[in-house]
């Protein structure tokens, strides 16, 4: 079979997509629209086929399951399932690691993995703070357990649903809810054992000094304009200047009224209270000149202010890290464009970019830097008062990397209803009463009907990037069929496989898929490889299900890099782990799972 011009064009598009995913040039939803545009411009799909991803059963099922997961998280179901974790504080670390992994993996088989891992991040941080348990020994194992657990059931991850949808469209019988779970359980046990044994390669402690982590050389200083000050009657620009290295006035308080954005030409008066950001040299100069009564946190009680204590600038300012999650309203903004309103009163200090192929070294950007866009996995360091922290916690799709009090009281009734709806969805699908799509839609309907979730929450908390990614990638699979690219690839692979035993075919397919999923989205990997796997099985006149399962599991097994799976990206963005930790532990795990999967799946042929 010769390679046609259409196949060449499609391969160029696929190669370009892989590069865009790997280098993270654009967000995944933007890449999805690039795919749609290119497929339409090159006439590889019809307009109807281009938008078929939006109506795909897999896309709608994923959306419904996301909505259910939001309801479960908001109503405390995930936290309830993980509550027993706090009682494990006395266990030896060697036992604690597999126990944490077992609980996280078991929950992830039925609930969105990202939501589960985020809850575990908060619990582990709490245990680390109170009982000095090294969070670095638990976070990566929990992320790996969430990934492996999600591969155990049909609803465990969107990748499973995508692979199932591709298989059904190609005439293969749909998978049952627990049809491949026993494979997943074996892989889970291998993961628990190997990661627990290799925990010694993980770092011992999480960096706790934010100033050293962000390399900040600035101080937050409170000052009061004294009676003898030469600053009275002068404006802020004349006093502090407006250069990049000048002292920055963050907040001004006058007669009980707080101004969070004092202008450059604001004139100072007696008793004005200023919140300043300055270097150590500038702080020393301010103290020597004596025009401001300087009050630092440790000195606040020792210095007698000129104005009443009741009107002093609040002293409970603290540094807080914000982790960027998918669909955050802060994504795409920079430290210059993120304002007081965006952060509910918090003041941004620095951005810490997570490592990627475009950014191999973690970079720190402070207020003097050029505009740097925030991306998923980045961390933003902010100053915030205790009162404003409660408002900041209400923001959607961010995670505050700090222990804090709960801001809402969970209704036990809604929690029970949400858990009951989840069990109903699982039962309807597991006992083949309804297909997974119908079960998920019914569960979503019940969540809304019984007011277990607010519609406003759905619009703000659903990870729309995944939805648009699926909608954009599914037509790519259609294009492979239209152009005959899948047939061309499978024909040439068959020449390579000629005379080779079945286990070598399954093994190579699994290895290529797993390698690809380490650098691009696992969903994208599944959509590209699944049609090829089915075509190979058909031409070899073999049962296609072992081939499909090879793609399903290998697409999920993104262990050896921190960029292939969302939960890895999140914990990598916390600054605890280096790339080598994923490469060593995840690489060893990938090799062992590859051998085990090749042996198990090839026996079914």
Protein backbone atom coordinates (compact mmCIF):
# COMPACT_ATOMS: atom_id res chain seq x y z
CA UNK A 1 0.00 0.00 0.00
CA UNK A 2 1.47 3.33 -1.11
CA UNK A 3 1.46 6.45 0.97
CA UNK A 4 -0.94 8.98 -0.54
CA UNK A 5 -0.63 12.77 -0.31
CA UNK A 6 -3.54 12.82 2.16
CA UNK A 7 -1.72 10.39 4.48
CA UNK A 8 1.44 12.51 4.31
CA UNK A 9 -0.53 15.66 5.18
CA UNK A 10 -2.21 13.86 8.10
CA UNK A 11 1.14 12.58 9.42
CA UNK A 12 2.53 16.12 9.28
CA UNK A 13 -0.47 17.34 11.31
CA UNK A 14 -0.08 14.51 13.84
CA UNK A 15 3.66 15.18 14.19
CA UNK A 16 2.96 18.88 14.69
CA UNK A 17 0.33 18.08 17.33
CA UNK A 18 2.76 15.83 19.21
CA UNK A 19 5.37 18.61 19.21
CA UNK A 20 2.82 21.17 20.44
CA UNK A 21 1.71 18.85 23.23
CA UNK A 22 5.26 17.95 24.28
CA UNK A 23 6.60 21.51 24.24
CA UNK A 24 3.39 22.97 25.72
CA UNK A 25 3.49 25.81 23.22
CA UNK A 26 -0.26 26.33 23.64
CA UNK A 27 -2.88 25.14 26.15
CA UNK A 28 -4.45 21.81 25.17
CA UNK A 29 -7.83 23.36 24.33
CA UNK A 30 -6.18 25.75 21.87
CA UNK A 31 -4.32 22.81 20.30
CA UNK A 32 -7.68 21.05 19.90
CA UNK A 33 -9.04 23.94 17.84
CA UNK A 34 -5.82 24.05 15.80
CA UNK A 35 -6.41 20.39 14.95
CA UNK A 36 -10.00 21.07 13.88
CA UNK A 37 -8.95 24.00 11.71
CA UNK A 38 -6.15 22.09 9.98
CA UNK A 39 -8.32 19.03 9.32
CA UNK A 40 -11.01 21.23 7.76
CA UNK A 41 -8.56 23.32 5.70
CA UNK A 42 -6.95 20.17 4.27
CA UNK A 43 -10.37 18.51 3.60
CA UNK A 44 -9.38 15.43 5.60
CA UNK A 45 -12.75 15.51 7.37
CA UNK A 46 -16.14 16.99 6.52
CA UNK A 47 -17.58 19.83 8.64
CA UNK A 48 -19.98 17.32 10.24
CA UNK A 49 -17.11 14.98 11.08
CA UNK A 50 -15.05 17.89 12.45
CA UNK A 51 -17.63 18.64 15.13
CA UNK A 52 -18.50 15.00 15.80
CA UNK A 53 -16.28 15.05 18.88
CA UNK A 54 -18.68 17.39 20.67
CA UNK A 55 -21.48 14.83 20.37
CA UNK A 56 -19.32 11.77 20.94
CA UNK A 57 -20.64 9.43 23.66
CA UNK A 58 -17.18 9.48 25.25
CA UNK A 59 -17.11 13.29 25.48
CA UNK A 60 -20.60 13.52 26.98
CA UNK A 61 -19.87 10.67 29.40
CA UNK A 62 -16.68 12.36 30.58
CA UNK A 63 -18.56 15.64 31.07
CA UNK A 64 -21.29 13.96 33.13
CA UNK A 65 -18.76 12.10 35.27
CA UNK A 66 -16.89 15.36 35.87
CA UNK A 67 -20.12 16.95 37.10
CA UNK A 68 -20.75 14.02 39.43
CA UNK A 69 -17.16 14.26 40.71
CA UNK A 70 -17.63 17.97 41.45
CA UNK A 71 -20.73 17.16 43.48
CA UNK A 72 -18.88 14.44 45.37
CA UNK A 73 -15.99 16.76 46.20
CA UNK A 74 -18.18 19.73 47.18
CA UNK A 75 -20.32 17.60 49.46
CA UNK A 76 -17.35 16.05 51.22
CA UNK A 77 -17.71 12.50 49.88
CA UNK A 78 -14.06 12.23 48.82
CA UNK A 79 -12.91 13.70 52.13
CA UNK A 80 -15.22 11.26 53.97
CA UNK A 81 -13.70 8.30 52.12
CA UNK A 82 -10.21 9.54 53.00
CA UNK A 83 -10.88 10.56 56.61
CA UNK A 84 -9.35 7.41 58.06
CA UNK A 85 -6.00 8.51 56.66
CA UNK A 86 -5.49 10.86 59.60
CA UNK A 87 -5.58 7.87 61.95
CA UNK A 88 -2.59 6.29 60.21
CA UNK A 89 -0.11 8.83 61.60
CA UNK A 90 1.47 6.27 63.93
CA UNK A 91 2.26 3.67 61.27
CA UNK A 92 5.83 3.10 60.07
CA UNK A 93 6.49 4.83 56.77
CA UNK A 94 7.09 1.53 54.96
CA UNK A 95 3.53 0.48 55.84
CA UNK A 96 1.97 3.93 55.53
CA UNK A 97 3.01 4.32 51.88
CA UNK A 98 1.20 1.23 50.49
CA UNK A 99 -1.84 1.91 52.73
CA UNK A 100 -2.14 5.45 51.39
CA UNK A 101 -1.69 4.13 47.87
CA UNK A 102 -4.34 1.46 48.33
CA UNK A 103 -6.93 3.95 49.58
CA UNK A 104 -6.14 6.52 46.86
CA UNK A 105 -6.12 3.88 44.11
CA UNK A 106 -9.39 2.30 45.27
CA UNK A 107 -11.23 5.65 45.34
CA UNK A 108 -9.75 6.68 41.95
CA UNK A 109 -11.31 3.63 40.33
CA UNK A 110 -14.70 5.33 40.68
CA UNK A 111 -14.02 9.06 41.17
CA UNK A 112 -12.03 11.57 39.12
CA UNK A 113 -8.35 10.94 39.87
CA UNK A 114 -7.35 14.61 39.97
CA UNK A 115 -10.03 15.42 42.56
CA UNK A 116 -8.92 12.47 44.70
CA UNK A 117 -5.23 13.40 44.59
CA UNK A 118 -5.97 17.04 45.51
CA UNK A 119 -7.85 15.90 48.62
CA UNK A 120 -4.92 13.68 49.53
CA UNK A 121 -2.51 16.58 49.05
CA UNK A 122 -4.39 18.54 51.73
CA UNK A 123 -4.51 15.57 54.12
CA UNK A 124 -0.82 14.77 53.65
CA UNK A 125 0.15 18.42 54.18
CA UNK A 126 -1.86 18.40 57.42
CA UNK A 127 -0.12 15.23 58.63
CA UNK A 128 3.28 16.65 57.68
CA UNK A 129 2.59 19.85 59.62
CA UNK A 130 1.20 18.22 62.78
CA UNK A 131 3.16 14.98 63.01
CA UNK A 132 6.33 15.71 61.01
CA UNK A 133 5.51 13.00 58.47
CA UNK A 134 7.56 13.65 55.29
CA UNK A 135 5.02 14.60 52.62
CA UNK A 136 7.65 13.97 49.94
CA UNK A 137 7.46 10.24 50.73
CA UNK A 138 3.70 10.12 50.12
CA UNK A 139 2.66 12.58 47.40
CA UNK A 140 4.32 10.89 44.42
CA UNK A 141 3.16 7.39 45.50
CA UNK A 142 -0.40 8.71 45.90
CA UNK A 143 -0.30 10.27 42.41
CA UNK A 144 0.93 6.97 40.92
CA UNK A 145 -1.76 5.08 42.85
CA UNK A 146 -4.45 7.42 41.54
CA UNK A 147 -3.29 6.83 37.97
CA UNK A 148 -3.17 3.05 38.32
CA UNK A 149 -6.50 2.98 40.17
CA UNK A 150 -8.20 4.97 37.43
CA UNK A 151 -7.27 2.30 34.90
CA UNK A 152 -9.16 -0.43 36.78
CA UNK A 153 -12.75 0.37 35.74
CA UNK A 154 -14.53 1.76 32.71
CA UNK A 155 -15.37 5.04 34.48
CA UNK A 156 -12.03 5.37 36.27
CA UNK A 157 -10.53 7.74 33.71
CA UNK A 158 -11.56 9.52 30.52
CA UNK A 159 -8.94 7.51 28.60
CA UNK A 160 -10.82 4.27 29.26
CA UNK A 161 -14.04 5.80 27.95
CA UNK A 162 -12.27 7.13 24.85
CA UNK A 163 -10.72 3.75 24.02
CA UNK A 164 -14.06 2.03 24.57
CA UNK A 165 -15.81 4.52 22.26
CA UNK A 166 -13.20 4.03 19.51
CA UNK A 167 -13.55 0.25 19.83
CA UNK A 168 -17.36 0.34 19.59
CA UNK A 169 -17.19 2.62 16.55
CA UNK A 170 -14.88 0.08 14.90
CA UNK A 171 -17.32 -2.76 15.50
CA UNK A 172 -15.75 -4.24 18.64
CA UNK A 173 -18.06 -5.27 21.47
CA UNK A 174 -18.12 -2.64 24.23
CA UNK A 175 -16.30 -3.34 27.48
CA UNK A 176 -18.18 -4.17 30.66
CA UNK A 177 -17.70 -1.99 33.72
CA UNK A 178 -15.38 -4.43 35.51
CA UNK A 179 -14.31 -6.48 32.46
CA UNK A 180 -10.61 -5.58 32.68
CA UNK A 181 -10.49 -4.84 36.42
CA UNK A 182 -8.55 -7.97 37.33
CA UNK A 183 -5.68 -6.79 35.10
CA UNK A 184 -5.84 -3.43 36.85
CA UNK A 185 -5.73 -5.05 40.30
CA UNK A 186 -2.58 -7.00 39.37
CA UNK A 187 -0.96 -3.81 38.07
CA UNK A 188 -2.00 -1.99 41.26
CA UNK A 189 -0.36 -4.62 43.49
CA UNK A 190 2.85 -4.42 41.45
CA UNK A 191 2.80 -0.61 41.73
CA UNK A 192 2.20 -0.63 45.50
CA UNK A 193 5.06 -3.06 46.11
CA UNK A 194 7.62 -1.49 43.78
CA UNK A 195 6.99 2.16 44.75
CA UNK A 196 7.07 1.29 48.46
CA UNK A 197 10.41 -0.47 48.04
CA UNK A 198 11.85 2.43 46.02
CA UNK A 199 10.63 5.14 48.43
CA UNK A 200 14.21 5.59 49.57
CA UNK A 201 14.93 7.42 46.29
CA UNK A 202 12.37 10.09 47.17
CA UNK A 203 13.53 13.33 48.85
CA UNK A 204 13.25 13.49 52.62
CA UNK A 205 11.70 16.87 53.27
CA UNK A 206 9.58 19.44 51.53
CA UNK A 207 11.16 22.92 51.39
CA UNK A 208 9.34 25.02 53.95
CA UNK A 209 11.04 28.40 53.66
CA UNK A 210 9.10 30.23 50.97
CA UNK A 211 11.58 33.11 50.93
CA UNK A 212 14.45 30.76 50.09
CA UNK A 213 12.33 28.73 47.65
CA UNK A 214 11.38 31.87 45.71
CA UNK A 215 14.76 33.55 46.30
CA UNK A 216 13.03 36.65 47.63
CA UNK A 217 15.23 39.37 49.05
CA UNK A 218 12.34 41.68 49.93
CA UNK A 219 10.58 42.49 53.16
CA UNK A 220 7.05 43.52 53.96
CA UNK A 221 7.29 46.51 56.29
CA UNK A 222 4.67 48.54 58.15
CA UNK A 223 5.35 52.20 58.84
CA UNK A 224 3.48 55.10 60.41
CA UNK A 225 4.07 58.75 59.48
CA UNK A 226 5.31 60.44 62.66
CA UNK A 227 4.72 64.01 63.89
CA UNK A 228 8.26 65.13 63.04
CA UNK A 229 8.35 63.35 59.64
CA UNK A 230 9.57 65.31 56.62
CA UNK A 231 7.24 63.15 54.49
CA UNK A 232 4.08 65.03 55.51
CA UNK A 233 2.72 66.91 52.51
CA UNK A 234 4.83 65.00 49.96
CA UNK A 235 3.42 62.56 47.41
CA UNK A 236 4.46 58.91 47.10
CA UNK A 237 6.28 59.42 43.80
CA UNK A 238 8.53 62.16 45.23
CA UNK A 239 9.25 60.05 48.31
CA UNK A 240 9.81 56.59 46.87
CA UNK A 241 10.17 57.18 43.12
CA UNK A 242 8.63 55.00 40.40
CA UNK A 243 11.63 53.00 39.18
CA UNK A 244 11.56 49.20 39.15
CA UNK A 245 13.88 48.99 42.16
CA UNK A 246 12.01 51.56 44.22
CA UNK A 247 10.10 50.92 47.45
CA UNK A 248 6.56 49.81 46.61
CA UNK A 249 3.57 51.02 48.61
CA UNK A 250 1.17 48.07 48.81
CA UNK A 251 -1.47 49.58 51.09
CA UNK A 252 -2.28 52.87 52.78
CA UNK A 253 -4.57 53.26 55.78
CA UNK A 254 -5.88 56.67 56.83
CA UNK A 255 -8.42 57.26 59.60
CA UNK A 256 -9.65 53.68 59.41
CA UNK A 257 -10.06 53.69 55.60
CA UNK A 258 -7.81 51.25 53.68
CA UNK A 259 -6.61 52.07 50.16
CA UNK A 260 -5.15 49.02 48.44
CA UNK A 261 -4.09 50.99 45.38
CA UNK A 262 -2.58 54.30 46.52
CA UNK A 263 -1.67 56.43 43.52
CA UNK A 264 1.77 57.85 42.86
CA UNK A 265 0.56 61.36 43.63
CA UNK A 266 -1.16 60.51 46.92
CA UNK A 267 -0.04 63.05 49.55
CA UNK A 268 0.94 61.71 52.97
CA UNK A 269 -0.53 63.05 56.19
CA UNK A 270 0.23 62.68 59.88
CA UNK A 271 -0.75 59.23 61.16
CA UNK A 272 -0.91 57.60 57.73
CA UNK A 273 -0.03 53.93 57.90
CA UNK A 274 1.83 52.36 55.00
CA UNK A 275 2.42 48.75 54.05
CA UNK A 276 5.69 48.70 52.08
CA UNK A 277 7.65 46.15 50.09
CA UNK A 278 11.37 46.86 50.11
CA UNK A 279 14.83 45.29 50.18
CA UNK A 280 16.91 44.86 53.32
CA UNK A 281 19.05 47.87 52.32
CA UNK A 282 15.97 50.04 51.83
CA UNK A 283 14.57 48.87 55.18
CA UNK A 284 17.77 49.93 56.97
CA UNK A 285 17.64 53.32 55.23
CA UNK A 286 14.03 53.89 56.30
CA UNK A 287 14.92 53.17 59.92
CA UNK A 288 17.96 55.46 59.86
CA UNK A 289 16.07 58.42 58.35
CA UNK A 290 13.35 58.13 61.00
CA UNK A 291 10.58 59.68 58.91
CA UNK A 292 8.48 56.53 59.41
CA UNK A 293 7.97 54.60 62.61
CA UNK A 294 8.83 51.13 61.28
CA UNK A 295 6.82 48.24 62.69
CA UNK A 296 7.88 44.70 61.78
CA UNK A 297 5.94 41.65 62.95
CA UNK A 298 8.38 40.87 65.76
CA UNK A 299 8.48 44.53 66.85
CA UNK A 300 4.81 45.40 66.53
CA UNK A 301 4.05 45.17 70.25
CA UNK A 302 7.24 46.94 71.32
CA UNK A 303 6.74 50.08 69.21
CA UNK A 304 4.15 52.53 70.46
CA UNK A 305 2.16 53.80 67.47
CA UNK A 306 0.98 57.37 67.09
CA UNK A 307 -2.57 56.34 66.17
CA UNK A 308 -4.97 54.11 68.06
CA UNK A 309 -4.32 50.35 67.96
CA UNK A 310 -7.81 49.81 66.61
CA UNK A 311 -6.88 51.50 63.35
CA UNK A 312 -3.46 49.93 62.82
CA UNK A 313 -2.72 48.10 59.63
CA UNK A 314 -3.40 44.42 60.17
CA UNK A 315 -0.35 42.47 61.25
CA UNK A 316 -1.55 39.01 60.23
CA UNK A 317 -0.10 39.15 56.73
CA UNK A 318 1.31 35.82 55.56
CA UNK A 319 2.85 34.27 52.48
CA UNK A 320 0.67 31.77 50.64
CA UNK A 321 1.39 29.64 47.59
CA UNK A 322 -1.36 29.17 45.01
CA UNK A 323 -1.11 26.18 42.66
CA UNK A 324 -2.66 26.71 39.23
CA UNK A 325 -5.17 23.98 38.32
CA UNK A 326 -6.83 23.47 34.93
CA UNK A 327 -9.58 26.00 34.13
CA UNK A 328 -8.35 28.47 36.77
CA UNK A 329 -9.44 32.07 36.08
CA UNK A 330 -5.80 33.07 36.60
CA UNK A 331 -4.49 30.95 33.70
CA UNK A 332 -3.05 33.19 30.98
CA UNK A 333 -2.57 36.17 33.28
CA UNK A 334 0.77 37.51 34.50
CA UNK A 335 1.99 38.93 37.76
CA UNK A 336 1.35 42.39 36.27
CA UNK A 337 -2.19 41.69 35.12
CA UNK A 338 -3.33 39.65 38.12
CA UNK A 339 -4.98 42.32 40.23
CA UNK A 340 -6.38 42.79 43.70
CA UNK A 341 -9.87 41.88 42.45
CA UNK A 342 -8.64 38.61 40.85
CA UNK A 343 -7.01 37.51 44.10
CA UNK A 344 -9.67 38.72 46.52
CA UNK A 345 -7.35 41.17 48.24
CA UNK A 346 -4.11 39.17 48.04
CA UNK A 347 -0.99 40.81 46.61
CA UNK A 348 1.15 38.81 44.12
CA UNK A 349 4.90 38.63 44.80
CA UNK A 350 6.38 36.05 42.45
CA UNK A 351 5.60 33.33 39.92
CA UNK A 352 7.40 30.01 40.03
CA UNK A 353 7.15 28.24 36.68
CA UNK A 354 6.99 24.46 36.71
CA UNK A 355 9.61 22.69 34.65
CA UNK A 356 8.75 21.65 31.11
CA UNK A 357 10.60 20.95 27.89
CA UNK A 358 10.46 24.66 27.06
CA UNK A 359 11.45 25.52 30.63
CA UNK A 360 13.98 22.86 31.76
CA UNK A 361 15.00 24.91 34.80
CA UNK A 362 12.44 26.13 37.28
CA UNK A 363 12.42 29.90 36.93
CA UNK A 364 11.42 32.56 39.44
CA UNK A 365 9.82 35.78 38.26
CA UNK A 366 9.14 38.63 40.63
CA UNK A 367 7.39 41.97 40.26
CA UNK A 368 10.32 43.44 38.30
CA UNK A 369 10.10 40.84 35.52
CA UNK A 370 8.43 41.06 32.16
CA UNK A 371 4.94 39.66 31.75
CA UNK A 372 5.04 35.87 32.25
CA UNK A 373 1.80 33.98 31.67
CA UNK A 374 0.53 31.61 34.34
CA UNK A 375 0.05 28.02 33.21
CA UNK A 376 -1.29 24.85 34.82
CA UNK A 377 1.14 23.62 37.49
CA UNK A 378 2.73 27.04 38.08
CA UNK A 379 2.81 28.46 41.59
CA UNK A 380 1.99 32.04 42.50
CA UNK A 381 3.33 33.44 45.76
CA UNK A 382 1.03 36.05 47.32
CA UNK A 383 0.75 38.08 50.52
CA UNK A 384 -2.65 37.87 52.13
CA UNK A 385 -4.29 38.72 55.44
CA UNK A 386 -6.14 36.05 57.39
CA UNK A 387 -9.48 37.67 56.56
CA UNK A 388 -8.72 37.79 52.83
CA UNK A 389 -7.39 34.21 52.92
CA UNK A 390 -10.91 32.93 53.58
CA UNK A 391 -12.10 34.71 50.41
CA UNK A 392 -9.12 33.44 48.43
CA UNK A 393 -10.01 29.87 49.39
CA UNK A 394 -13.35 30.26 47.62
CA UNK A 395 -11.69 30.66 44.22
CA UNK A 396 -12.37 27.86 41.76
CA UNK A 397 -9.66 25.70 40.23
CA UNK A 398 -6.76 26.73 42.41
CA UNK A 399 -5.17 24.88 45.29
CA UNK A 400 -3.72 26.77 48.24
CA UNK A 401 -0.60 24.92 49.34
CA UNK A 402 -1.08 25.69 53.01
CA UNK A 403 -3.09 24.22 55.83
CA UNK A 404 -6.22 26.20 56.53
CA UNK A 405 -9.60 25.89 58.16
CA UNK A 406 -12.55 24.64 56.19
CA UNK A 407 -14.65 27.47 54.83
CA UNK A 408 -17.96 25.69 54.53
CA UNK A 409 -20.03 23.23 56.48
CA UNK A 410 -20.93 20.10 54.53
CA UNK A 411 -24.54 18.93 54.65
CA UNK A 412 -24.63 15.30 55.77
CA UNK A 413 -27.85 14.79 53.82
CA UNK A 414 -26.28 15.99 50.58
CA UNK A 415 -23.18 13.96 51.27
CA UNK A 416 -25.27 10.80 51.66
CA UNK A 417 -27.30 11.60 48.54
CA UNK A 418 -24.13 12.23 46.50
CA UNK A 419 -22.59 8.96 47.63
CA UNK A 420 -25.85 7.14 46.86
CA UNK A 421 -25.91 8.62 43.34
CA UNK A 422 -22.35 7.45 42.73
CA UNK A 423 -23.22 3.92 43.86
CA UNK A 424 -26.32 3.98 41.63
CA UNK A 425 -24.29 5.02 38.57
CA UNK A 426 -21.77 2.25 39.24
CA UNK A 427 -24.51 -0.35 39.75
CA UNK A 428 -26.48 0.62 36.63
CA UNK A 429 -23.37 0.28 34.49
CA UNK A 430 -21.71 -2.66 36.27
CA UNK A 431 -24.80 -4.87 36.03
CA UNK A 432 -25.33 -3.85 32.36
CA UNK A 433 -28.73 -2.33 33.14
CA UNK A 434 -27.73 0.77 31.16
CA UNK A 435 -24.65 1.73 29.11
CA UNK A 436 -22.14 3.92 30.94
CA UNK A 437 -23.34 7.03 29.04
CA UNK A 438 -26.96 6.58 30.11
CA UNK A 439 -25.92 5.80 33.70
CA UNK A 440 -23.74 8.92 33.86
CA UNK A 441 -26.47 11.18 32.45
CA UNK A 442 -28.96 9.80 35.00
CA UNK A 443 -26.45 10.40 37.81
CA UNK A 444 -25.84 13.96 36.60
CA UNK A 445 -29.61 14.58 36.41
CA UNK A 446 -30.10 13.33 39.98
CA UNK A 447 -27.23 15.49 41.26
CA UNK A 448 -28.91 18.62 39.87
CA UNK A 449 -32.47 17.57 40.73
CA UNK A 450 -31.62 16.85 44.38
CA UNK A 451 -29.56 20.05 44.60
CA UNK A 452 -26.35 18.21 45.38
CA UNK A 453 -24.56 20.58 43.04
CA UNK A 454 -25.14 24.13 41.91
CA UNK A 455 -25.27 24.82 38.18
CA UNK A 456 -22.92 27.76 38.64
CA UNK A 457 -20.33 25.38 40.07
CA UNK A 458 -20.56 23.22 36.97
CA UNK A 459 -19.64 26.07 34.62
CA UNK A 460 -16.67 27.19 36.73
CA UNK A 461 -15.26 23.87 37.95
CA UNK A 462 -15.62 21.52 34.98
CA UNK A 463 -12.24 21.04 33.32
CA UNK A 464 -13.31 22.36 29.92
CA UNK A 465 -9.79 21.88 28.56
CA UNK A 466 -10.31 18.09 28.66
CA UNK A 467 -13.74 18.40 27.00
CA UNK A 468 -12.37 20.52 24.15
CA UNK A 469 -9.33 18.27 23.86
CA UNK A 470 -11.56 15.24 23.36
CA UNK A 471 -13.78 17.12 20.91
CA UNK A 472 -10.72 18.16 18.90
CA UNK A 473 -8.85 14.85 18.98
CA UNK A 474 -11.73 12.55 18.06
CA UNK A 475 -11.94 13.98 14.48
CA UNK A 476 -8.22 13.17 14.17
CA UNK A 477 -9.16 9.50 14.57
CA UNK A 478 -11.85 9.97 11.92
CA UNK A 479 -9.24 11.47 9.58
CA UNK A 480 -7.00 8.44 10.06
CA UNK A 481 -9.84 6.25 8.87
CA UNK A 482 -10.84 8.58 5.98
CA UNK A 483 -7.30 8.78 4.59
CA UNK A 484 -6.45 5.13 5.23
CA UNK A 485 -3.53 6.17 7.44
CA UNK A 486 -4.38 3.58 10.08
CA UNK A 487 -4.50 0.89 7.41
CA UNK A 488 -1.16 2.05 5.96
CA UNK A 489 0.53 1.99 9.38
CA UNK A 490 -0.89 -1.40 10.30
CA UNK A 491 0.10 -2.90 6.92
CA UNK A 492 3.71 -1.81 7.36
CA UNK A 493 3.75 -2.92 10.97
CA UNK A 494 2.51 -6.35 9.91
CA UNK A 495 5.53 -6.66 7.62
CA UNK A 496 7.66 -5.88 10.66
CA UNK A 497 5.75 -8.39 12.79
CA UNK A 498 5.81 -11.13 10.17
CA UNK A 499 6.84 -14.38 11.81
CA UNK A 500 7.10 -12.77 15.24
CA UNK A 501 5.30 -14.31 18.25
CA UNK A 502 2.17 -12.61 19.59
CA UNK A 503 3.86 -11.41 22.78
CA UNK A 504 6.37 -9.33 20.77
CA UNK A 505 3.51 -7.61 18.90
CA UNK A 506 1.62 -6.80 22.10
CA UNK A 507 4.86 -5.77 23.82
CA UNK A 508 5.93 -3.36 21.09
CA UNK A 509 2.44 -1.82 20.87
CA UNK A 510 2.36 -1.36 24.65
CA UNK A 511 5.88 0.13 24.76
CA UNK A 512 5.28 2.66 21.97
CA UNK A 513 1.96 3.76 23.48
CA UNK A 514 3.40 4.11 26.97
CA UNK A 515 6.39 6.10 25.69
CA UNK A 516 4.14 8.48 23.76
CA UNK A 517 1.85 9.01 26.77
CA UNK A 518 4.82 10.20 28.80
CA UNK A 519 5.10 13.33 26.67
CA UNK A 520 1.62 14.11 25.36
CA UNK A 521 -1.89 13.79 26.75
CA UNK A 522 -2.96 10.22 27.53
CA UNK A 523 -6.27 10.92 25.77
CA UNK A 524 -4.47 12.10 22.65
CA UNK A 525 -2.24 9.02 22.73
CA UNK A 526 -5.23 6.69 22.98
CA UNK A 527 -7.07 8.35 20.08
CA UNK A 528 -4.02 8.10 17.81
CA UNK A 529 -2.97 4.52 18.68
CA UNK A 530 -6.32 2.74 19.33
CA UNK A 531 -7.46 2.63 15.63
CA UNK A 532 -4.05 1.29 14.61
CA UNK A 533 -4.18 -1.45 17.26
CA UNK A 534 -7.66 -2.57 16.15
CA UNK A 535 -6.61 -2.65 12.49
CA UNK A 536 -3.53 -4.76 13.32
CA UNK A 537 -5.65 -7.25 15.28
CA UNK A 538 -8.20 -7.47 12.45
CA UNK A 539 -5.56 -8.15 9.80
CA UNK A 540 -3.91 -10.79 12.00
CA UNK A 541 -7.38 -12.30 12.55
CA UNK A 542 -6.85 -12.12 16.31
CA UNK A 543 -9.14 -11.05 19.13
CA UNK A 544 -8.85 -7.22 19.17
CA UNK A 545 -9.59 -6.81 22.88
CA UNK A 546 -6.06 -7.64 24.14
CA UNK A 547 -4.72 -5.08 21.65
CA UNK A 548 -7.26 -2.50 22.81
CA UNK A 549 -6.42 -3.18 26.46
CA UNK A 550 -2.72 -2.73 25.66
CA UNK A 551 -3.52 0.79 24.40
CA UNK A 552 -5.90 1.48 27.30
CA UNK A 553 -3.41 0.60 30.04
CA UNK A 554 -0.30 1.93 28.30
CA UNK A 555 -1.98 5.30 27.66
CA UNK A 556 -2.70 5.60 31.37
CA UNK A 557 0.74 4.54 32.56
CA UNK A 558 2.41 7.96 32.40
CA UNK A 559 4.86 7.43 35.23
CA UNK A 560 8.33 8.23 33.95
CA UNK A 561 7.73 11.95 33.27
CA UNK A 562 5.78 14.56 35.26
CA UNK A 563 4.00 15.95 32.19
CA UNK A 564 2.03 13.01 30.80
CA UNK A 565 -0.66 12.88 33.49
CA UNK A 566 -2.35 15.78 35.26
CA UNK A 567 -1.80 14.57 38.83
CA UNK A 568 1.94 14.20 38.22
CA UNK A 569 2.03 17.73 36.85
CA UNK A 570 0.27 19.06 39.96
CA UNK A 571 2.60 17.47 42.52
CA UNK A 572 5.63 18.29 40.37
CA UNK A 573 4.51 21.93 40.45
CA UNK A 574 4.71 21.90 44.25
CA UNK A 575 8.50 21.98 44.04
CA UNK A 576 9.17 18.86 46.10
CA UNK A 577 10.34 16.54 43.34
CA UNK A 578 12.83 16.75 40.51
CA UNK A 579 12.50 15.20 37.07
CA UNK A 580 14.89 12.42 38.14
CA UNK A 581 12.44 11.14 40.76
CA UNK A 582 9.85 10.43 38.06
CA UNK A 583 12.49 9.07 35.71
CA UNK A 584 14.02 6.66 38.24
CA UNK A 585 10.94 5.43 40.13
CA UNK A 586 8.43 5.92 37.30
CA UNK A 587 10.87 4.47 34.77
CA UNK A 588 11.47 1.32 36.81
CA UNK A 589 7.72 0.95 37.39
CA UNK A 590 7.02 1.41 33.65
CA UNK A 591 9.47 -1.35 32.70
CA UNK A 592 8.03 -3.81 35.22
CA UNK A 593 4.44 -3.04 34.20
CA UNK A 594 5.37 -3.34 30.52
CA UNK A 595 6.76 -6.85 31.10
CA UNK A 596 3.77 -7.88 33.22
CA UNK A 597 1.21 -6.48 30.77
CA UNK A 598 2.92 -8.11 27.79
CA UNK A 599 2.81 -11.49 29.52
CA UNK A 600 -0.82 -11.20 30.71
CA UNK A 601 -2.34 -9.75 27.53
CA UNK A 602 -0.50 -11.99 25.08
CA UNK A 603 -1.84 -15.05 26.93
CA UNK A 604 -5.35 -14.00 25.86
CA UNK A 605 -4.52 -14.36 22.14
